[in-house]
Protein backbone atom coordinates (compact mmCIF):
# COMPACT_ATOMS: atom_id res chain seq x y z
CA MET A 1 36.06 -60.82 -22.22
CA ASN A 2 34.66 -57.89 -20.45
CA GLY A 3 32.22 -57.57 -23.29
CA TRP A 4 30.82 -61.29 -23.03
CA THR A 5 30.46 -60.94 -19.84
CA GLU A 6 28.98 -57.18 -19.64
CA GLY A 7 26.11 -58.82 -22.29
CA PHE A 8 25.21 -61.91 -19.93
CA GLN A 9 25.02 -59.29 -17.04
CA GLU A 10 22.35 -57.03 -19.07
CA SER A 11 20.27 -60.34 -19.17
CA ILE A 12 20.28 -60.81 -15.85
CA ASN A 13 19.58 -57.04 -15.02
CA TYR A 14 16.73 -57.53 -17.75
CA ILE A 15 15.36 -60.17 -15.73
CA GLU A 16 15.46 -58.12 -12.65
CA ARG A 17 13.80 -55.60 -14.41
CA SER A 18 10.86 -57.60 -15.67
CA LEU A 19 9.82 -60.19 -12.88
CA THR A 20 6.65 -58.92 -12.49
CA ASP A 21 5.86 -59.52 -16.17
CA GLU A 22 5.76 -62.54 -18.50
CA LEU A 23 9.28 -63.21 -19.24
CA ASP A 24 10.49 -65.37 -22.62
CA ILE A 25 13.65 -67.17 -22.74
CA ARG A 26 13.91 -65.77 -26.55
CA ASP A 27 14.10 -62.06 -24.82
CA ILE A 28 16.43 -62.39 -21.93
CA ALA A 29 18.84 -64.58 -24.41
CA GLU A 30 18.96 -61.86 -27.29
CA LYS A 31 20.39 -59.55 -24.36
CA ALA A 32 23.64 -61.44 -24.32
CA ALA A 33 23.70 -61.81 -28.03
CA LEU A 34 23.04 -66.03 -27.68
CA SER A 35 20.58 -68.03 -28.84
CA PRO A 36 18.55 -69.60 -26.35
CA PHE A 37 19.84 -73.20 -26.71
CA TYR A 38 23.17 -71.71 -25.61
CA TYR A 39 22.20 -69.00 -23.63
CA GLN A 40 20.32 -71.71 -20.85
CA ARG A 41 23.50 -74.11 -21.07
CA ILE A 42 25.74 -71.24 -20.45
CA PHE A 43 23.66 -69.63 -17.74
CA GLY A 44 23.44 -73.47 -15.84
CA ALA A 45 27.45 -73.81 -16.08
CA LEU A 46 27.68 -70.08 -14.55
CA CYS A 47 24.89 -70.25 -12.05
CA GLY A 48 24.45 -74.09 -10.92
CA MET A 49 20.53 -73.58 -11.86
CA THR A 50 18.62 -73.10 -14.60
CA VAL A 51 17.00 -69.75 -15.62
CA GLY A 52 13.41 -70.59 -14.96
CA GLU A 53 14.75 -71.63 -11.00
CA TYR A 54 16.63 -68.25 -11.06
CA ILE A 55 13.38 -66.71 -11.86
CA ARG A 56 11.09 -68.24 -9.51
CA ALA A 57 13.67 -67.60 -6.57
CA ARG A 58 13.62 -64.10 -7.28
CA ARG A 59 9.88 -64.05 -7.46
CA MET A 60 9.45 -65.81 -4.27
CA THR A 61 12.00 -63.30 -2.73
CA LEU A 62 10.33 -60.10 -3.69
CA ALA A 63 6.96 -61.93 -3.12
CA ALA A 64 7.67 -62.66 0.18
CA GLN A 65 9.07 -59.22 0.87
CA GLU A 66 6.29 -57.37 -0.24
CA LEU A 67 3.38 -59.54 1.74
CA ALA A 68 5.42 -58.71 4.90
CA CYS A 69 5.54 -55.07 4.31
CA SER A 70 2.31 -54.34 2.49
CA ASP A 71 -1.26 -55.09 2.75
CA ILE A 72 -1.24 -56.77 -0.63
CA LYS A 73 -3.64 -59.37 -0.91
CA VAL A 74 -2.81 -62.89 -1.70
CA ILE A 75 -4.58 -63.11 -4.56
CA ASP A 76 -3.08 -60.11 -5.94
CA ALA A 77 0.37 -61.58 -5.02
CA ALA A 78 -0.02 -64.70 -7.13
CA VAL A 79 -1.08 -62.41 -9.98
CA LYS A 80 1.63 -60.24 -10.25
CA TYR A 81 4.53 -62.90 -9.60
CA GLY A 82 3.07 -64.92 -12.54
CA TYR A 83 1.09 -67.59 -10.92
CA ASP A 84 -2.47 -68.71 -12.36
CA SER A 85 -3.71 -69.24 -9.02
CA PRO A 86 -3.44 -68.36 -5.31
CA ASP A 87 -3.38 -72.11 -4.56
CA SER A 88 0.04 -72.79 -6.91
CA PHE A 89 0.97 -69.55 -5.79
CA ALA A 90 0.95 -70.72 -2.27
CA LYS A 91 2.26 -74.11 -2.65
CA ALA A 92 5.20 -72.71 -4.55
CA PHE A 93 5.90 -69.92 -1.86
CA GLN A 94 5.53 -73.00 0.60
CA ARG A 95 8.29 -74.98 -0.93
CA PHE A 96 10.66 -71.96 -0.96
CA HIS A 97 10.48 -70.27 2.24
CA GLY A 98 8.50 -73.23 4.65
CA ILE A 99 5.56 -71.23 5.44
CA THR A 100 2.58 -69.99 3.88
CA PRO A 101 1.92 -66.53 2.34
CA SER A 102 -0.14 -65.52 5.17
CA GLN A 103 2.35 -66.64 7.51
CA ALA A 104 4.73 -64.02 6.33
CA ARG A 105 2.44 -61.41 7.61
CA GLU A 106 3.23 -62.63 11.16
CA ALA A 107 5.97 -60.45 13.00
CA GLY A 108 9.03 -62.72 13.37
CA ALA A 109 8.55 -65.05 10.28
CA GLU A 110 11.60 -66.05 9.12
CA LEU A 111 11.92 -65.75 5.13
CA ARG A 112 14.17 -67.16 2.49
CA SER A 113 16.16 -64.43 0.19
CA PHE A 114 17.73 -65.18 -3.19
CA ALA A 115 19.62 -62.28 -4.15
CA PRO A 116 20.16 -60.64 -7.92
CA LEU A 117 22.97 -62.78 -9.65
CA HIS A 118 26.15 -60.53 -10.80
CA ILE A 119 28.35 -62.41 -13.08
CA ARG A 120 31.79 -61.75 -12.89
CA ILE A 121 34.63 -64.03 -14.88
CA THR A 122 37.58 -64.27 -12.70
CA LEU A 123 40.85 -65.93 -13.28
CA GLU A 124 41.73 -69.15 -11.46
CA GLY A 125 45.13 -71.20 -12.23
CA GLY A 126 45.67 -74.64 -12.76
CA LYS A 127 43.16 -76.09 -14.74
CA MET A 128 44.25 -77.79 -18.11
CA LEU A 129 41.46 -77.62 -20.81
CA ASP A 130 42.18 -79.67 -23.93
CA TYR A 131 40.79 -78.83 -27.51
CA SER A 132 40.99 -78.37 -30.91
CA ILE A 133 39.13 -76.21 -33.51
CA THR A 134 38.76 -78.35 -36.70
CA GLU A 135 36.81 -78.31 -40.15
CA LYS A 136 34.54 -81.44 -40.74
CA ALA A 137 32.44 -82.24 -43.66
CA PRO A 138 28.49 -82.57 -43.29
CA PHE A 139 27.71 -85.83 -41.74
CA THR A 140 24.32 -87.82 -41.13
CA ILE A 141 23.59 -89.74 -37.91
CA VAL A 142 20.94 -92.30 -37.22
CA GLY A 143 19.09 -93.09 -34.08
CA PHE A 144 16.56 -92.58 -31.04
CA LYS A 145 15.23 -89.13 -30.49
CA ARG A 146 13.08 -87.91 -27.81
CA ARG A 147 12.01 -83.96 -26.63
CA PHE A 148 12.98 -82.72 -23.36
CA ASN A 149 12.41 -79.08 -21.38
CA THR A 150 15.66 -77.73 -20.33
CA GLU A 151 14.32 -76.83 -16.86
CA THR A 152 14.11 -80.82 -16.45
CA SER A 153 16.92 -82.33 -18.91
CA TYR A 154 19.40 -82.83 -16.32
CA GLN A 155 17.49 -85.30 -14.72
CA GLU A 156 15.46 -86.94 -17.56
CA ILE A 157 18.20 -87.58 -19.94
CA PRO A 158 20.10 -90.19 -17.76
CA LYS A 159 16.94 -92.08 -17.77
CA PHE A 160 16.51 -92.15 -21.38
CA TRP A 161 19.76 -93.46 -21.36
CA ASN A 162 19.19 -96.23 -19.10
CA GLU A 163 16.39 -96.84 -20.96
CA TRP A 164 18.21 -97.75 -24.23
CA MET A 165 20.84 -99.19 -22.56
CA SER A 166 18.73 -102.11 -21.29
CA ASP A 167 18.47 -103.63 -24.52
CA MET A 168 21.08 -101.13 -26.93
CA LYS A 169 18.18 -101.59 -29.68
CA GLY A 170 20.75 -101.73 -32.63
CA LEU A 171 22.60 -99.17 -31.93
CA LYS A 172 26.19 -98.47 -30.23
CA GLY A 173 25.69 -95.15 -28.66
CA MET A 174 28.36 -93.16 -29.79
CA PHE A 175 26.58 -89.78 -29.91
CA GLY A 176 24.60 -87.77 -27.71
CA VAL A 177 23.32 -85.05 -29.49
CA CYS A 178 21.40 -81.86 -28.81
CA LEU A 179 19.02 -80.09 -31.28
CA ASP A 180 17.88 -77.05 -30.02
CA MET A 181 13.57 -76.85 -31.01
CA ASP A 182 12.03 -73.64 -29.80
CA GLY A 183 14.60 -72.47 -27.30
CA LYS A 184 12.63 -74.16 -24.49
CA ASP A 185 12.71 -77.90 -25.39
CA PHE A 186 15.14 -79.91 -27.41
CA ASP A 187 15.50 -82.95 -29.33
CA TYR A 188 18.28 -85.13 -27.59
CA TRP A 189 19.52 -88.14 -29.76
CA ILE A 190 21.49 -91.36 -29.02
CA ALA A 191 23.01 -92.28 -32.03
CA ASP A 192 25.72 -93.72 -33.92
CA LEU A 193 27.38 -92.61 -37.74
CA TYR A 194 24.84 -92.99 -40.58
CA THR A 195 26.08 -95.52 -43.12
CA PRO A 196 23.47 -95.35 -46.25
CA TRP A 197 24.30 -99.52 -47.07
CA GLU A 198 23.24 -100.29 -44.01
CA ASP A 199 19.53 -100.93 -42.64
CA ILE A 200 18.00 -98.27 -40.22
CA PRO A 201 17.22 -100.10 -37.17
CA GLU A 202 13.64 -99.84 -36.39
CA GLY A 203 12.27 -96.93 -34.49
CA CYS A 204 15.38 -95.24 -35.35
CA GLU A 205 15.52 -91.82 -37.52
CA THR A 206 18.12 -90.09 -39.41
CA TYR A 207 19.54 -86.50 -39.54
CA SER A 208 22.05 -84.55 -41.47
CA ILE A 209 24.80 -82.34 -39.43
CA PRO A 210 26.15 -79.42 -41.57
CA GLY A 211 29.61 -78.82 -42.46
CA SER A 212 31.22 -76.74 -39.89
CA LEU A 213 34.21 -75.39 -37.92
CA TRP A 214 33.98 -77.43 -34.47
CA ALA A 215 35.75 -77.12 -31.21
CA GLN A 216 36.84 -80.53 -29.70
CA PHE A 217 37.07 -80.45 -26.15
CA LYS A 218 38.81 -84.19 -24.93
CA CYS A 219 37.25 -85.48 -21.44
CA LYS A 220 39.16 -88.17 -19.76
CA GLY A 221 37.57 -90.01 -16.56
CA PRO A 222 34.71 -91.86 -15.51
CA LEU A 223 31.38 -90.93 -16.87
CA PRO A 224 29.55 -88.35 -15.87
CA ASP A 225 31.60 -86.61 -14.27
CA SER A 226 34.32 -85.98 -16.90
CA LEU A 227 31.98 -84.79 -19.23
CA GLN A 228 30.40 -82.17 -16.66
CA SER A 229 33.74 -80.86 -15.53
CA VAL A 230 34.69 -79.94 -18.87
CA ASN A 231 31.16 -78.40 -19.90
CA THR A 232 31.17 -76.51 -17.00
CA GLN A 233 35.00 -75.20 -18.03
CA ILE A 234 33.50 -74.74 -21.44
CA TRP A 235 31.18 -71.81 -20.65
CA SER A 236 32.35 -70.48 -17.75
CA GLU A 237 36.52 -69.94 -19.05
CA TRP A 238 36.91 -70.85 -22.35
CA LEU A 239 34.14 -69.07 -24.12
CA PRO A 240 34.34 -65.70 -22.15
CA SER A 241 38.03 -65.83 -23.46
CA LEU A 242 37.38 -66.82 -27.52
CA LYS A 243 38.78 -64.57 -29.69
CA GLY A 244 38.13 -64.37 -33.37
CA TYR A 245 35.05 -67.24 -33.45
CA GLU A 246 31.62 -67.10 -32.24
CA LEU A 247 29.40 -69.77 -31.45
CA ALA A 248 27.15 -71.36 -34.35
CA GLY A 249 24.39 -73.41 -34.77
CA ASN A 250 21.68 -74.54 -32.12
CA TYR A 251 23.01 -77.91 -31.30
CA SER A 252 25.87 -79.88 -29.60
CA ILE A 253 27.48 -83.07 -29.51
CA GLU A 254 28.82 -85.63 -26.99
CA ILE A 255 30.84 -88.41 -28.27
CA TYR A 256 31.41 -91.41 -26.45
CA MET A 257 34.31 -94.04 -27.22
CA PRO A 258 34.25 -97.53 -26.46
CA PRO A 259 34.65 -98.22 -22.14
CA ALA A 260 38.13 -98.16 -20.96
CA GLU A 261 39.23 -101.24 -18.80
CA ASP A 262 40.30 -98.40 -15.84
CA PRO A 263 37.27 -95.92 -15.77
CA ALA A 264 40.00 -93.33 -15.15
CA ASP A 265 41.44 -93.98 -18.82
CA THR A 266 37.77 -93.47 -20.47
CA LEU A 267 37.78 -90.85 -23.05
CA SER A 268 34.79 -88.86 -24.27
CA TYR A 269 34.42 -85.39 -26.04
CA ILE A 270 32.53 -82.38 -26.50
CA TRP A 271 32.01 -80.60 -29.88
CA VAL A 272 30.94 -77.43 -30.23
CA PRO A 273 30.04 -75.62 -33.64
CA LEU A 274 31.83 -72.23 -34.30
CA ARG A 275 32.46 -69.82 -37.39
CA LYS A 276 34.99 -67.17 -37.55
CA ILE A 277 34.34 -63.47 -37.42
């Protein structure tokens, strides 16, 4: 557990050392020995925000401190903390602090401060997490996909589901599949298991999932709360204590069972690919 925690903390330290430089999610994730795809999922579960939100909050904190305590020009502060223009910097500054960069120079100006993160995994009792590790042969999905940005995916993917559910479009919606594209964006599929003897619904595509070991996590209760709760446990409790395996592949799968009469009995699953080490 300590090695995993230290690696993740080193990624935070790297962000802190590089706040006035151009930051790339690939370089950040590398410090934690994770793919950008998994790093961003774990960061969100542990920290309650995206990597981009954290970076912006830290930059705004440092920019305000520098404006209040030095004679740096607003345009120079904008460039230093990664903004293309003084206007975009001023808008972001006002959203964060509630005042303009110029007002930050005034005596008694109230500024917000967001402290650097320190990752500590602590043991807390009383939470059960049902899972199994099993090997599965390759399989193919068929469905609709849409590309999402990690920064906005939590808000946009439910809209994708709502849009699909308005007419179902020839699918049952058994799977929700996240496939990493470039570390910043990923394809999300609403999909079923593909059977070659059936016609592919209009607008759908197929994708082959390789054979793998999978950790399968059982979620019980109303959606999406049950899935989100288990997802947080996976990254904040299960993964730091995982022995003998490591994450494999840049994808994860949600499995949705038919709705139960009582929402409290609704079952769903999260699958995470693994390999032995």
